[in-house]
N, C-alpha and C. Protein backbone atom coordinates (compact mmCIF):
# COMPACT_ATOMS: atom_id res chain seq x y z
N MET A 1 2.70 110.93 72.88
CA MET A 1 3.54 110.01 73.63
C MET A 1 4.84 110.69 74.03
N THR A 2 5.29 110.35 75.17
CA THR A 2 6.57 110.88 75.62
C THR A 2 7.60 109.75 75.60
N GLU A 3 8.80 110.14 75.24
CA GLU A 3 9.88 109.16 75.24
C GLU A 3 10.55 109.15 76.61
N LYS A 4 10.90 107.99 77.03
CA LYS A 4 11.60 107.85 78.30
C LYS A 4 13.10 107.98 78.05
N SER A 5 13.74 108.80 78.84
CA SER A 5 15.18 108.98 78.71
C SER A 5 15.91 107.84 79.41
N THR A 6 17.00 107.39 78.81
CA THR A 6 17.73 106.27 79.38
C THR A 6 19.06 106.68 80.00
N PHE A 7 19.35 107.97 80.04
CA PHE A 7 20.62 108.39 80.62
C PHE A 7 20.55 108.35 82.14
N ILE A 8 21.70 108.26 82.75
CA ILE A 8 21.79 108.24 84.21
C ILE A 8 21.94 109.67 84.72
N ARG A 9 21.15 110.03 85.70
CA ARG A 9 21.20 111.38 86.26
C ARG A 9 22.51 111.58 87.02
N PRO A 10 23.00 112.83 87.11
CA PRO A 10 24.26 113.12 87.81
C PRO A 10 24.25 112.66 89.27
N CYS A 11 23.14 112.82 89.96
CA CYS A 11 23.10 112.40 91.37
C CYS A 11 23.25 110.89 91.50
N THR A 12 22.76 110.14 90.51
CA THR A 12 22.94 108.69 90.53
C THR A 12 24.39 108.32 90.34
N VAL A 13 25.06 109.02 89.44
CA VAL A 13 26.50 108.77 89.21
C VAL A 13 27.29 109.10 90.47
N VAL A 14 26.97 110.22 91.11
CA VAL A 14 27.66 110.61 92.35
C VAL A 14 27.39 109.58 93.44
N TYR A 15 26.17 109.10 93.53
CA TYR A 15 25.84 108.07 94.52
C TYR A 15 26.68 106.81 94.29
N LEU A 16 26.83 106.41 93.03
CA LEU A 16 27.66 105.23 92.73
C LEU A 16 29.13 105.48 93.06
N ILE A 17 29.60 106.70 92.83
CA ILE A 17 30.98 107.06 93.20
C ILE A 17 31.13 106.99 94.72
N LEU A 18 30.15 107.52 95.46
CA LEU A 18 30.21 107.47 96.92
C LEU A 18 30.22 106.03 97.42
N LEU A 19 29.42 105.18 96.81
CA LEU A 19 29.42 103.76 97.19
C LEU A 19 30.78 103.12 96.92
N THR A 20 31.36 103.44 95.77
CA THR A 20 32.68 102.88 95.43
C THR A 20 33.74 103.35 96.42
N LEU A 21 33.76 104.64 96.73
CA LEU A 21 34.74 105.16 97.68
C LEU A 21 34.53 104.57 99.07
N THR A 22 33.28 104.37 99.46
CA THR A 22 33.00 103.73 100.74
C THR A 22 33.51 102.30 100.76
N PHE A 23 33.29 101.58 99.67
CA PHE A 23 33.79 100.21 99.58
C PHE A 23 35.31 100.18 99.67
N ILE A 24 35.99 101.13 99.02
CA ILE A 24 37.46 101.18 99.07
C ILE A 24 37.93 101.38 100.51
N THR A 25 37.32 102.32 101.23
CA THR A 25 37.76 102.55 102.61
C THR A 25 37.42 101.36 103.50
N TRP A 26 36.29 100.71 103.26
CA TRP A 26 35.93 99.50 104.01
C TRP A 26 36.96 98.40 103.76
N TYR A 27 37.35 98.23 102.51
CA TYR A 27 38.33 97.20 102.17
C TYR A 27 39.68 97.49 102.82
N ILE A 28 40.08 98.75 102.82
CA ILE A 28 41.33 99.12 103.47
C ILE A 28 41.26 98.76 104.96
N GLY A 29 40.11 99.00 105.57
CA GLY A 29 39.95 98.69 106.99
C GLY A 29 40.01 97.22 107.30
N ILE A 30 39.33 96.39 106.51
CA ILE A 30 39.31 94.96 106.83
C ILE A 30 40.58 94.25 106.39
N SER A 31 41.32 94.84 105.46
CA SER A 31 42.55 94.17 105.01
C SER A 31 43.73 94.47 105.92
N GLY A 32 43.56 95.40 106.85
CA GLY A 32 44.62 95.68 107.82
C GLY A 32 45.74 96.57 107.29
N MET A 33 45.49 97.28 106.21
CA MET A 33 46.51 98.20 105.69
C MET A 33 46.74 99.30 106.71
N SER A 34 47.98 99.74 106.83
CA SER A 34 48.28 100.80 107.79
C SER A 34 49.43 101.65 107.27
N GLY A 35 49.72 102.69 107.98
CA GLY A 35 50.78 103.60 107.62
C GLY A 35 50.23 104.99 107.36
N ILE A 36 51.15 105.94 107.33
CA ILE A 36 50.75 107.34 107.13
C ILE A 36 50.12 107.53 105.75
N GLY A 37 50.69 106.91 104.74
CA GLY A 37 50.16 107.06 103.39
C GLY A 37 48.73 106.56 103.27
N ILE A 38 48.47 105.40 103.85
CA ILE A 38 47.12 104.84 103.81
C ILE A 38 46.16 105.72 104.61
N SER A 39 46.60 106.18 105.77
CA SER A 39 45.76 107.04 106.60
C SER A 39 45.40 108.34 105.87
N LEU A 40 46.38 108.94 105.22
CA LEU A 40 46.11 110.17 104.48
C LEU A 40 45.25 109.91 103.26
N ALA A 41 45.39 108.74 102.64
CA ALA A 41 44.53 108.39 101.51
C ALA A 41 43.07 108.26 101.96
N VAL A 42 42.86 107.61 103.09
CA VAL A 42 41.50 107.47 103.62
C VAL A 42 40.94 108.85 104.00
N LEU A 43 41.76 109.70 104.57
CA LEU A 43 41.33 111.06 104.89
C LEU A 43 40.97 111.82 103.61
N GLY A 44 41.78 111.68 102.58
CA GLY A 44 41.50 112.32 101.30
C GLY A 44 40.20 111.83 100.70
N ILE A 45 39.96 110.54 100.79
CA ILE A 45 38.69 109.98 100.29
C ILE A 45 37.52 110.57 101.06
N ALA A 46 37.67 110.71 102.38
CA ALA A 46 36.60 111.29 103.19
C ALA A 46 36.33 112.74 102.78
N LEU A 47 37.38 113.50 102.50
CA LEU A 47 37.21 114.88 102.07
C LEU A 47 36.52 114.96 100.71
N ILE A 48 36.90 114.08 99.80
CA ILE A 48 36.25 114.04 98.48
C ILE A 48 34.78 113.69 98.63
N LYS A 49 34.48 112.70 99.46
CA LYS A 49 33.09 112.31 99.68
C LYS A 49 32.29 113.47 100.28
N GLY A 50 32.86 114.18 101.23
CA GLY A 50 32.17 115.32 101.83
C GLY A 50 31.88 116.41 100.81
N GLN A 51 32.85 116.67 99.92
CA GLN A 51 32.65 117.69 98.89
C GLN A 51 31.58 117.25 97.90
N LEU A 52 31.57 115.98 97.52
CA LEU A 52 30.53 115.48 96.62
C LEU A 52 29.14 115.60 97.24
N ILE A 53 29.04 115.28 98.52
CA ILE A 53 27.75 115.39 99.21
C ILE A 53 27.31 116.85 99.26
N GLY A 54 28.23 117.75 99.56
CA GLY A 54 27.88 119.18 99.59
C GLY A 54 27.44 119.69 98.24
N ASP A 55 28.15 119.29 97.19
CA ASP A 55 27.84 119.77 95.85
C ASP A 55 26.53 119.23 95.32
N TYR A 56 26.32 117.94 95.42
CA TYR A 56 25.19 117.32 94.72
C TYR A 56 23.97 117.09 95.59
N PHE A 57 24.14 116.70 96.84
CA PHE A 57 22.99 116.36 97.66
C PHE A 57 22.55 117.51 98.56
N MET A 58 23.44 118.47 98.81
CA MET A 58 23.03 119.67 99.55
C MET A 58 22.73 120.81 98.60
N GLY A 59 22.98 120.60 97.31
CA GLY A 59 22.64 121.58 96.30
C GLY A 59 23.56 122.78 96.22
N LEU A 60 24.79 122.67 96.69
CA LEU A 60 25.69 123.81 96.69
C LEU A 60 26.50 123.95 95.41
N LYS A 61 26.34 123.04 94.47
CA LYS A 61 27.08 123.15 93.22
C LYS A 61 26.63 124.37 92.40
N ALA A 62 25.36 124.68 92.46
CA ALA A 62 24.82 125.79 91.68
C ALA A 62 24.93 127.13 92.40
N VAL A 63 25.36 127.13 93.65
CA VAL A 63 25.44 128.35 94.44
C VAL A 63 26.79 129.01 94.19
N SER A 64 26.79 130.32 94.12
CA SER A 64 28.06 131.03 93.94
C SER A 64 28.37 131.87 95.17
N GLY A 65 29.59 132.32 95.24
CA GLY A 65 29.98 133.20 96.33
C GLY A 65 30.37 132.46 97.59
N PHE A 66 30.08 133.11 98.71
CA PHE A 66 30.50 132.63 100.02
C PHE A 66 29.99 131.23 100.33
N TRP A 67 28.72 130.96 100.05
CA TRP A 67 28.12 129.69 100.44
C TRP A 67 28.73 128.52 99.71
N ARG A 68 29.27 128.74 98.54
CA ARG A 68 29.93 127.67 97.79
C ARG A 68 31.19 127.20 98.52
N TRP A 69 31.82 128.11 99.24
CA TRP A 69 33.08 127.79 99.91
C TRP A 69 32.91 127.28 101.34
N VAL A 70 31.72 127.39 101.89
CA VAL A 70 31.51 126.99 103.28
C VAL A 70 31.86 125.52 103.49
N ILE A 71 31.34 124.64 102.66
CA ILE A 71 31.61 123.20 102.81
C ILE A 71 33.09 122.91 102.58
N PHE A 72 33.68 123.55 101.57
CA PHE A 72 35.10 123.33 101.32
C PHE A 72 35.95 123.73 102.52
N ILE A 73 35.68 124.88 103.07
CA ILE A 73 36.45 125.35 104.23
C ILE A 73 36.19 124.45 105.44
N TRP A 74 34.93 124.08 105.62
CA TRP A 74 34.55 123.19 106.73
C TRP A 74 35.27 121.85 106.63
N LEU A 75 35.50 121.36 105.43
CA LEU A 75 36.23 120.10 105.25
C LEU A 75 37.74 120.31 105.27
N PHE A 76 38.20 121.43 104.72
CA PHE A 76 39.64 121.67 104.58
C PHE A 76 40.32 121.91 105.92
N ILE A 77 39.71 122.69 106.79
CA ILE A 77 40.36 123.02 108.07
C ILE A 77 40.57 121.77 108.93
N PRO A 78 39.53 120.97 109.23
CA PRO A 78 39.80 119.76 110.02
C PRO A 78 40.70 118.78 109.28
N GLY A 79 40.51 118.67 107.96
CA GLY A 79 41.38 117.77 107.19
C GLY A 79 42.83 118.20 107.23
N GLY A 80 43.07 119.50 107.12
CA GLY A 80 44.43 120.01 107.21
C GLY A 80 45.04 119.80 108.59
N LEU A 81 44.24 120.02 109.63
CA LEU A 81 44.74 119.81 110.99
C LEU A 81 45.04 118.33 111.26
N ILE A 82 44.18 117.45 110.76
CA ILE A 82 44.44 116.02 110.92
C ILE A 82 45.70 115.62 110.16
N THR A 83 45.88 116.17 108.96
CA THR A 83 47.09 115.88 108.19
C THR A 83 48.33 116.35 108.93
N ILE A 84 48.29 117.54 109.50
CA ILE A 84 49.43 118.04 110.27
C ILE A 84 49.70 117.12 111.46
N ALA A 85 48.65 116.67 112.13
CA ALA A 85 48.83 115.76 113.26
C ALA A 85 49.48 114.45 112.84
N PHE A 86 49.07 113.92 111.68
CA PHE A 86 49.69 112.68 111.20
C PHE A 86 51.14 112.88 110.79
N MET A 87 51.43 114.03 110.21
CA MET A 87 52.79 114.27 109.72
C MET A 87 53.75 114.69 110.83
N ASN A 88 53.22 115.15 111.96
CA ASN A 88 54.06 115.59 113.07
C ASN A 88 54.62 114.35 113.78
N PRO A 89 55.92 114.21 113.82
CA PRO A 89 56.50 113.04 114.48
C PRO A 89 56.21 113.05 115.99
N ALA A 90 55.92 111.89 116.52
CA ALA A 90 55.66 111.76 117.95
C ALA A 90 56.93 112.04 118.73
N THR A 91 56.80 112.77 119.81
CA THR A 91 57.99 113.09 120.61
C THR A 91 58.04 112.28 121.87
């Protein structure tokens, strides 16, 4: 006989975290919150979600070297540029 394990797999935990973060951004949207701080928080949540997807669902967590950094760089460059755009005062 084999025993059935009752622990939750890491991908399930990450999926629940992604659902929670999605719910938070949805709630921010429907509640009408605004401002630079809120916008940057939503951007930060999107970057975290992208990194979690790259690590766990694209399988890059176990990869070392250049390929481990591809998703981070791909998320960091547009995220950094968007942050600069938000922080730059309108002229």
